[in-house]
Amino acid sequence: MLHFRCPYTNPDRATAMGKERPIEQHERILRAWHLAILRFAVTLDDTDRLTILAIAQELDRCGRQEHESEFRFFRKFTAELCVAIFRHDETASAILRHYLAQIDEPRLKRAFAAALGMPEADTAPTRRRPKPDQYLFRGLPSRKLQA
């Protein structure tokens, strides 16, 4: 996931489930942003696009009380992502690959790549190594024969 730590988060801000640390609250909002982008990539619905923009605005506010913020990273990046999801050219593909590379969670990364039909190099299943003691008892007579 994109990791952004906000220095302005209010530690005394209460949530519906009680007191929550500011970093946990920010990570929850960031995860909701990622999932909203995934939903928009699947549905291409304007309501989902507006939801992403609302979450991006919350991320840009960073827990501060004022309504508008001069920090606009998430709103700008969200607008670029939404346009890139609609377009099918090299610029859009580069933006989506960049976003995909920033996602740390493998399941979310695979789901987003699948929703956009993008091949993801990291999604190849890893080959399991055999256990070191796999052949530990090989060559020994079975217990059935000893009894």
C-alpha atoms as a PDB file:
ATOM      1  CA  MET A   1       0.000   0.000   0.000  1.00  0.00           C
ATOM      2  CA  LEU A   2       1.027   3.556  -0.445  1.00  0.00           C
ATOM      3  CA  HIS A   3       2.405   4.629   2.872  1.00  0.00           C
ATOM      4  CA  PHE A   4       1.985   8.228   3.918  1.00  0.00           C
ATOM      5  CA  ARG A   5       2.400   9.374   7.471  1.00  0.00           C
ATOM      6  CA  CYS A   6       0.584  12.543   8.326  1.00  0.00           C
ATOM      7  CA  PRO A   7       2.281  14.841  10.865  1.00  0.00           C
ATOM      8  CA  TYR A   8      -0.952  16.751  11.505  1.00  0.00           C
ATOM      9  CA  THR A   9      -3.169  13.930  12.735  1.00  0.00           C
ATOM     10  CA  ASN A  10      -4.982  14.787  15.942  1.00  0.00           C
ATOM     11  CA  PRO A  11      -4.280  12.046  18.546  1.00  0.00           C
ATOM     12  CA  ASP A  12      -7.363  12.978  20.610  1.00  0.00           C
ATOM     13  CA  ARG A  13      -9.805  12.391  17.768  1.00  0.00           C
ATOM     14  CA  ALA A  14     -12.380   9.759  18.737  1.00  0.00           C
ATOM     15  CA  THR A  15     -13.834   7.228  16.323  1.00  0.00           C
ATOM     16  CA  ALA A  16     -17.042   5.232  16.406  1.00  0.00           C
ATOM     17  CA  MET A  17     -15.260   2.284  18.002  1.00  0.00           C
ATOM     18  CA  GLY A  18     -13.589   4.392  20.675  1.00  0.00           C
ATOM     19  CA  LYS A  19     -10.142   5.890  20.806  1.00  0.00           C
ATOM     20  CA  GLU A  20      -7.866   4.842  17.997  1.00  0.00           C
ATOM     21  CA  ARG A  21      -4.248   5.700  17.377  1.00  0.00           C
ATOM     22  CA  PRO A  22      -3.817   8.234  14.563  1.00  0.00           C
ATOM     23  CA  ILE A  23      -1.627   5.942  12.470  1.00  0.00           C
ATOM     24  CA  GLU A  24      -4.154   3.099  12.652  1.00  0.00           C
ATOM     25  CA  GLN A  25      -6.936   5.471  11.647  1.00  0.00           C
ATOM     26  CA  HIS A  26      -4.908   6.781   8.703  1.00  0.00           C
ATOM     27  CA  GLU A  27      -4.048   3.248   7.576  1.00  0.00           C
ATOM     28  CA  ARG A  28      -7.734   2.320   7.669  1.00  0.00           C
ATOM     29  CA  ILE A  29      -8.618   5.299   5.489  1.00  0.00           C
ATOM     30  CA  LEU A  30      -5.755   4.453   3.139  1.00  0.00           C
ATOM     31  CA  ARG A  31      -6.986   0.866   2.843  1.00  0.00           C
ATOM     32  CA  ALA A  32     -10.508   2.119   2.141  1.00  0.00           C
ATOM     33  CA  TRP A  33      -9.037   4.313  -0.609  1.00  0.00           C
ATOM     34  CA  HIS A  34      -7.294   1.321  -2.208  1.00  0.00           C
ATOM     35  CA  LEU A  35     -10.450  -0.780  -2.042  1.00  0.00           C
ATOM     36  CA  ALA A  36     -12.537   2.060  -3.480  1.00  0.00           C
ATOM     37  CA  ILE A  37     -10.109   2.328  -6.412  1.00  0.00           C
ATOM     38  CA  LEU A  38     -10.429  -1.418  -6.955  1.00  0.00           C
ATOM     39  CA  ARG A  39     -14.208  -1.158  -6.886  1.00  0.00           C
ATOM     40  CA  PHE A  40     -14.135   1.693  -9.404  1.00  0.00           C
ATOM     41  CA  ALA A  41     -11.821  -0.343 -11.667  1.00  0.00           C
ATOM     42  CA  VAL A  42     -14.403  -3.138 -11.648  1.00  0.00           C
ATOM     43  CA  THR A  43     -17.621  -1.112 -11.946  1.00  0.00           C
ATOM     44  CA  LEU A  44     -16.506   2.086 -13.739  1.00  0.00           C
ATOM     45  CA  ASP A  45     -19.444   3.709 -11.980  1.00  0.00           C
ATOM     46  CA  ASP A  46     -19.454   7.474 -11.422  1.00  0.00           C
ATOM     47  CA  THR A  47     -20.671   6.999  -7.851  1.00  0.00           C
ATOM     48  CA  ASP A  48     -17.593   4.907  -7.085  1.00  0.00           C
ATOM     49  CA  ARG A  49     -15.373   7.586  -8.638  1.00  0.00           C
ATOM     50  CA  LEU A  50     -16.947  10.218  -6.376  1.00  0.00           C
ATOM     51  CA  THR A  51     -16.409   7.941  -3.380  1.00  0.00           C
ATOM     52  CA  ILE A  52     -12.700   7.664  -4.202  1.00  0.00           C
ATOM     53  CA  LEU A  53     -12.426  11.441  -4.487  1.00  0.00           C
ATOM     54  CA  ALA A  54     -14.140  11.900  -1.110  1.00  0.00           C
ATOM     55  CA  ILE A  55     -11.745   9.452   0.541  1.00  0.00           C
ATOM     56  CA  ALA A  56      -8.802  11.185  -1.161  1.00  0.00           C
ATOM     57  CA  GLN A  57      -9.974  14.501   0.223  1.00  0.00           C
ATOM     58  CA  GLU A  58     -10.085  12.973   3.708  1.00  0.00           C
ATOM     59  CA  LEU A  59      -6.543  11.667   3.248  1.00  0.00           C
ATOM     60  CA  ASP A  60      -5.356  15.082   2.112  1.00  0.00           C
ATOM     61  CA  ARG A  61      -6.980  16.731   5.130  1.00  0.00           C
ATOM     62  CA  CYS A  62      -4.943  14.361   7.256  1.00  0.00           C
ATOM     63  CA  GLY A  63      -7.152  14.629  10.333  1.00  0.00           C
ATOM     64  CA  ARG A  64      -7.065  18.420  10.453  1.00  0.00           C
ATOM     65  CA  GLN A  65     -10.322  20.124  11.305  1.00  0.00           C
ATOM     66  CA  GLU A  66     -10.465  22.699   8.507  1.00  0.00           C
ATOM     67  CA  HIS A  67     -12.545  21.751   5.494  1.00  0.00           C
ATOM     68  CA  GLU A  68     -10.033  22.438   2.706  1.00  0.00           C
ATOM     69  CA  SER A  69      -6.342  21.703   2.671  1.00  0.00           C
ATOM     70  CA  GLU A  70      -3.574  23.000   0.483  1.00  0.00           C
ATOM     71  CA  PHE A  71      -2.169  19.470   0.379  1.00  0.00           C
ATOM     72  CA  ARG A  72      -3.693  17.791  -2.686  1.00  0.00           C
ATOM     73  CA  PHE A  73      -1.555  14.722  -3.390  1.00  0.00           C
ATOM     74  CA  PHE A  74      -4.289  12.092  -3.024  1.00  0.00           C
ATOM     75  CA  ARG A  75      -6.930  14.121  -4.878  1.00  0.00           C
ATOM     76  CA  LYS A  76      -4.556  14.752  -7.791  1.00  0.00           C
ATOM     77  CA  PHE A  77      -3.330  11.148  -7.903  1.00  0.00           C
ATOM     78  CA  THR A  78      -6.882   9.806  -7.640  1.00  0.00           C
ATOM     79  CA  ALA A  79      -8.020  11.953 -10.555  1.00  0.00           C
ATOM     80  CA  GLU A  80      -5.067  10.673 -12.626  1.00  0.00           C
ATOM     81  CA  LEU A  81      -5.887   7.065 -11.702  1.00  0.00           C
ATOM     82  CA  CYS A  82      -9.555   7.439 -12.623  1.00  0.00           C
ATOM     83  CA  VAL A  83      -8.668   8.890 -16.023  1.00  0.00           C
ATOM     84  CA  ALA A  84      -6.052   6.169 -16.549  1.00  0.00           C
ATOM     85  CA  ILE A  85      -8.590   3.440 -15.768  1.00  0.00           C
ATOM     86  CA  PHE A  86     -10.862   4.797 -18.514  1.00  0.00           C
ATOM     87  CA  ARG A  87      -8.136   5.323 -21.126  1.00  0.00           C
ATOM     88  CA  HIS A  88      -6.234   2.545 -22.827  1.00  0.00           C
ATOM     89  CA  ASP A  89      -2.983   4.117 -24.002  1.00  0.00           C
ATOM     90  CA  GLU A  90       0.671   4.004 -22.974  1.00  0.00           C
ATOM     91  CA  THR A  91       0.430   6.949 -20.573  1.00  0.00           C
ATOM     92  CA  ALA A  92      -2.507   5.385 -18.763  1.00  0.00           C
ATOM     93  CA  SER A  93      -0.755   2.037 -18.645  1.00  0.00           C
ATOM     94  CA  ALA A  94       2.347   3.648 -17.121  1.00  0.00           C
ATOM     95  CA  ILE A  95       0.277   5.382 -14.437  1.00  0.00           C
ATOM     96  CA  LEU A  96      -1.513   2.136 -13.570  1.00  0.00           C
ATOM     97  CA  ARG A  97       1.737   0.151 -13.467  1.00  0.00           C
ATOM     98  CA  HIS A  98       3.214   2.795 -11.156  1.00  0.00           C
ATOM     99  CA  TYR A  99       0.201   2.541  -8.840  1.00  0.00           C
ATOM    100  CA  LEU A 100       0.318  -1.242  -8.961  1.00  0.00           C
ATOM    101  CA  ALA A 101       4.000  -1.229  -7.987  1.00  0.00           C
ATOM    102  CA  GLN A 102       3.182   0.888  -4.922  1.00  0.00           C
ATOM    103  CA  ILE A 103       0.664  -1.598  -3.500  1.00  0.00           C
ATOM    104  CA  ASP A 104       2.307  -3.728  -0.814  1.00  0.00           C
ATOM    105  CA  GLU A 105      -0.536  -6.144  -0.158  1.00  0.00           C
ATOM    106  CA  PRO A 106      -0.259  -9.098  -2.605  1.00  0.00           C
ATOM    107  CA  ARG A 107      -3.988  -9.952  -2.702  1.00  0.00           C
ATOM    108  CA  LEU A 108      -4.983  -6.378  -3.424  1.00  0.00           C
ATOM    109  CA  LYS A 109      -2.265  -6.127  -6.053  1.00  0.00           C
ATOM    110  CA  ARG A 110      -3.458  -9.300  -7.811  1.00  0.00           C
ATOM    111  CA  ALA A 111      -7.091  -8.208  -7.653  1.00  0.00           C
ATOM    112  CA  PHE A 112      -6.319  -4.790  -9.115  1.00  0.00           C
ATOM    113  CA  ALA A 113      -4.168  -6.279 -11.885  1.00  0.00           C
ATOM    114  CA  ALA A 114      -6.926  -8.769 -12.710  1.00  0.00           C
ATOM    115  CA  ALA A 115      -9.612  -6.068 -12.725  1.00  0.00           C
ATOM    116  CA  LEU A 116      -7.636  -4.092 -15.286  1.00  0.00           C
ATOM    117  CA  GLY A 117      -6.465  -7.103 -17.272  1.00  0.00           C
ATOM    118  CA  MET A 118      -2.847  -6.204 -16.623  1.00  0.00           C
ATOM    119  CA  PRO A 119      -0.260  -8.951 -16.413  1.00  0.00           C
ATOM    120  CA  GLU A 120       1.450  -8.795 -13.054  1.00  0.00           C
ATOM    121  CA  ALA A 121       4.943 -10.264 -12.828  1.00  0.00           C
ATOM    122  CA  ASP A 122       4.785 -10.721  -9.040  1.00  0.00           C
ATOM    123  CA  THR A 123       1.601 -12.782  -9.143  1.00  0.00           C
ATOM    124  CA  ALA A 124       3.268 -15.949 -10.448  1.00  0.00           C
ATOM    125  CA  PRO A 125       2.906 -18.707  -7.864  1.00  0.00           C
ATOM    126  CA  THR A 126       6.098 -19.401  -6.030  1.00  0.00           C
ATOM    127  CA  ARG A 127       7.541 -22.861  -6.324  1.00  0.00           C
ATOM    128  CA  ARG A 128       7.622 -24.745  -3.054  1.00  0.00           C
ATOM    129  CA  ARG A 129      10.873 -26.197  -1.935  1.00  0.00           C
ATOM    130  CA  PRO A 130      10.739 -29.786  -0.730  1.00  0.00           C
ATOM    131  CA  LYS A 131      11.019 -30.225   3.004  1.00  0.00           C
ATOM    132  CA  PRO A 132      14.578 -31.022   4.059  1.00  0.00           C
ATOM    133  CA  ASP A 133      13.472 -34.188   5.876  1.00  0.00           C
ATOM    134  CA  GLN A 134      11.231 -35.416   3.069  1.00  0.00           C
ATOM    135  CA  TYR A 135      13.362 -38.514   2.501  1.00  0.00           C
ATOM    136  CA  LEU A 136      14.319 -39.035   6.144  1.00  0.00           C
ATOM    137  CA  PHE A 137      12.813 -42.538   6.430  1.00  0.00           C
ATOM    138  CA  ARG A 138      13.456 -43.616   2.860  1.00  0.00           C
ATOM    139  CA  GLY A 139      14.998 -47.046   2.640  1.00  0.00           C
ATOM    140  CA  LEU A 140      14.021 -48.144   6.156  1.00  0.00           C
ATOM    141  CA  PRO A 141      11.757 -51.171   6.529  1.00  0.00           C
ATOM    142  CA  SER A 142       8.169 -50.386   7.425  1.00  0.00           C
ATOM    143  CA  ARG A 143       6.797 -51.174  10.898  1.00  0.00           C
ATOM    144  CA  LYS A 144       4.350 -53.657   9.431  1.00  0.00           C
ATOM    145  CA  LEU A 145       7.192 -55.941   8.410  1.00  0.00           C
ATOM    146  CA  GLN A 146       8.890 -55.814  11.830  1.00  0.00           C
ATOM    147  CA  ALA A 147       5.862 -56.989  13.800  1.00  0.00           C
END
